[in-house]
Every structure is written in structure tokens, then in C-alpha cells.
Amino acid sequence: MNPQLKGMEELGGTYAFDIRTSNRTLKLNRFLWKMIGKEWRERYLADPEAIMQEAELNDTEKDLLRKQDWLGLVQYGANFFVLEKFARVARKTNLEVYAIMRGESFEEFMQTRRVPESR
């Protein structure tokens, strides 16, 4: 085990993204990274199943994407920085994704911010 991760399991809500996770979820994270490209986004929006198949995603990964299970994706090993690319395609802001991950409505989440009226 990576000594830098020692005790991490005691920190609730912490999901390490290390080399093992990176290797295990490489296809998923490459798929999400490609969302920066207009053609890839358009192909995804036109036929998500076909492009997920082309990317050789497994059934778990496909299901997480279909459900837009943001927390599940992070727990599975999606890198948040590329997950943000997918959030834009799904027409979600970072703040909306954070709220969903916390199990809160957007309004509830915003009340926990220093400037709750900002959008």
C-alpha cells in the first residue's frame, strides 16, 4: 500500500485516485476526457450506447454514466477533473454535481455556501 494513503480509510468521503485506480479506470477516464472534443460530445449525445461500446466501457461504467451517478463515478475511480467534462455534456454545473454527491437539493447545498445567493 502507498504509505501516503495510510489512514485514509478513516476519512469518510475520501476516495484516493492513485496509480492503481488510474490503471483500472483508464478507459472510463479517457472516455470522459474526450468530452472536450465537439465531435465526441455530439456523437455521445446522438448515440450514447454506441460510443460507450466503441470506448470498450464495461457494464458498470456504462450504468454509472447512464444514471449520471456522480458520487458512484468518483467512488468507482473517475477522475473528477475529467468528470467535469461529462457534467457539462449532461448540462450540470459543478455546484449541481456537488449537491447531488452530498445527497442534497441544489437549494439546500447553496445554503451551506458563504454566498448562498450566488449562482
Protein backbone atom coordinates (compact mmCIF):
# COMPACT_ATOMS: atom_id res chain seq x y z
CA MET A 1 0.00 0.00 0.00
CA ASN A 2 1.10 3.52 -0.71
CA PRO A 3 2.34 4.89 2.65
CA GLN A 4 0.86 8.29 1.79
CA LEU A 5 -2.61 6.71 1.88
CA LYS A 6 -2.20 5.16 5.34
CA GLY A 7 -5.22 6.02 7.47
CA MET A 8 -7.21 7.32 4.52
CA GLU A 9 -9.98 4.79 5.13
CA GLU A 10 -10.72 6.64 8.37
CA LEU A 11 -11.55 9.84 6.44
CA GLY A 12 -15.16 9.47 5.37
CA GLY A 13 -15.93 10.67 1.88
CA THR A 14 -12.33 10.36 0.73
CA TYR A 15 -11.63 8.39 -2.44
CA ALA A 16 -8.00 8.11 -3.47
CA PHE A 17 -7.11 8.38 -7.12
CA ASP A 18 -3.78 6.62 -7.29
CA ILE A 19 -1.87 4.73 -9.96
CA ARG A 20 -3.84 1.52 -9.33
CA THR A 21 -7.14 3.34 -9.71
CA SER A 22 -5.84 5.16 -12.76
CA ASN A 23 -4.85 1.91 -14.45
CA ARG A 24 -8.12 0.18 -13.55
CA THR A 25 -10.30 3.02 -14.85
CA LEU A 26 -8.19 4.16 -17.78
CA LYS A 27 -10.85 3.50 -20.45
CA LEU A 28 -13.52 5.36 -18.47
CA ASN A 29 -11.29 8.35 -17.81
CA ARG A 30 -10.15 8.52 -21.43
CA PHE A 31 -13.80 8.38 -22.47
CA LEU A 32 -14.61 11.29 -20.16
CA TRP A 33 -11.53 13.25 -21.26
CA LYS A 34 -12.65 13.05 -24.87
CA MET A 35 -15.74 15.09 -23.92
CA ILE A 36 -13.57 18.17 -24.57
CA GLY A 37 -13.94 17.47 -28.29
CA LYS A 38 -17.02 18.75 -30.08
CA GLU A 39 -17.28 15.71 -32.35
CA TRP A 40 -17.06 13.28 -29.40
CA ARG A 41 -19.73 15.20 -27.47
CA GLU A 42 -22.02 15.25 -30.50
CA ARG A 43 -21.53 11.54 -31.07
CA TYR A 44 -22.26 10.85 -27.40
CA LEU A 45 -25.42 12.92 -27.44
CA ALA A 46 -26.60 11.29 -30.68
CA ASP A 47 -25.97 7.69 -29.56
CA PRO A 48 -24.51 7.21 -26.08
CA GLU A 49 -24.71 3.42 -26.22
CA ALA A 50 -22.73 3.17 -29.45
CA ILE A 51 -19.94 5.46 -28.28
CA MET A 52 -19.70 3.74 -24.88
CA GLN A 53 -19.40 0.43 -26.72
CA GLU A 54 -16.75 1.88 -29.04
CA ALA A 55 -14.80 3.06 -25.99
CA GLU A 56 -14.99 -0.51 -24.62
CA LEU A 57 -16.53 0.57 -21.33
CA ASN A 58 -17.69 -2.25 -19.10
CA ASP A 59 -21.27 -2.68 -17.91
CA THR A 60 -20.63 -0.99 -14.55
CA GLU A 61 -19.11 2.08 -16.20
CA LYS A 62 -21.93 2.32 -18.73
CA ASP A 63 -24.52 2.05 -15.98
CA LEU A 64 -22.86 4.77 -13.88
CA LEU A 65 -22.84 7.08 -16.90
CA ARG A 66 -26.44 6.30 -17.88
CA LYS A 67 -27.60 7.10 -14.35
CA GLN A 68 -25.31 10.12 -14.09
CA ASP A 69 -24.30 8.70 -10.72
CA TRP A 70 -21.74 11.37 -9.88
CA LEU A 71 -20.71 10.03 -6.49
CA GLY A 72 -20.71 6.47 -7.81
CA LEU A 73 -18.40 7.52 -10.62
CA VAL A 74 -15.93 9.11 -8.19
CA GLN A 75 -16.11 6.09 -5.87
CA TYR A 76 -15.52 3.82 -8.86
CA GLY A 77 -12.43 5.79 -9.89
CA ALA A 78 -13.44 8.52 -12.29
CA ASN A 79 -11.05 11.41 -12.02
CA PHE A 80 -13.08 14.45 -11.01
CA PHE A 81 -11.28 16.74 -13.44
CA VAL A 82 -12.48 14.70 -16.42
CA LEU A 83 -15.83 14.04 -14.80
CA GLU A 84 -16.40 17.79 -15.04
CA LYS A 85 -16.22 17.44 -18.83
CA PHE A 86 -19.08 14.94 -18.74
CA ALA A 87 -21.07 17.15 -16.36
CA ARG A 88 -21.11 19.89 -18.99
CA VAL A 89 -22.46 17.45 -21.59
CA ALA A 90 -25.11 16.41 -19.06
CA ARG A 91 -25.86 20.13 -18.58
CA LYS A 92 -24.85 20.17 -14.92
CA THR A 93 -22.72 22.79 -13.19
CA ASN A 94 -20.05 21.86 -10.67
CA LEU A 95 -22.29 23.17 -7.90
CA GLU A 96 -25.17 20.97 -9.03
CA VAL A 97 -22.88 17.94 -9.14
CA TYR A 98 -21.57 18.71 -5.65
CA ALA A 99 -25.13 18.95 -4.32
CA ILE A 100 -26.06 15.61 -5.87
CA MET A 101 -22.92 14.00 -4.44
CA ARG A 102 -23.92 15.23 -0.99
CA GLY A 103 -27.47 13.95 -1.38
CA GLU A 104 -28.89 17.49 -1.24
CA SER A 105 -31.03 19.61 -3.47
CA PHE A 106 -29.23 22.47 -5.18
CA GLU A 107 -31.03 24.94 -2.89
CA GLU A 108 -30.01 23.03 0.25
CA PHE A 109 -26.42 22.86 -0.93
CA MET A 110 -26.31 26.59 -1.70
CA GLN A 111 -27.39 27.36 1.86
CA THR A 112 -24.12 25.79 3.03
CA ARG A 113 -22.06 28.25 0.96
CA ARG A 114 -20.73 31.59 2.17
CA VAL A 115 -22.67 33.37 -0.57
CA PRO A 116 -25.82 31.26 -0.91
CA GLU A 117 -27.49 33.60 -3.37
CA SER A 118 -24.69 33.31 -5.95
CA ARG A 119 -25.18 31.05 -8.93
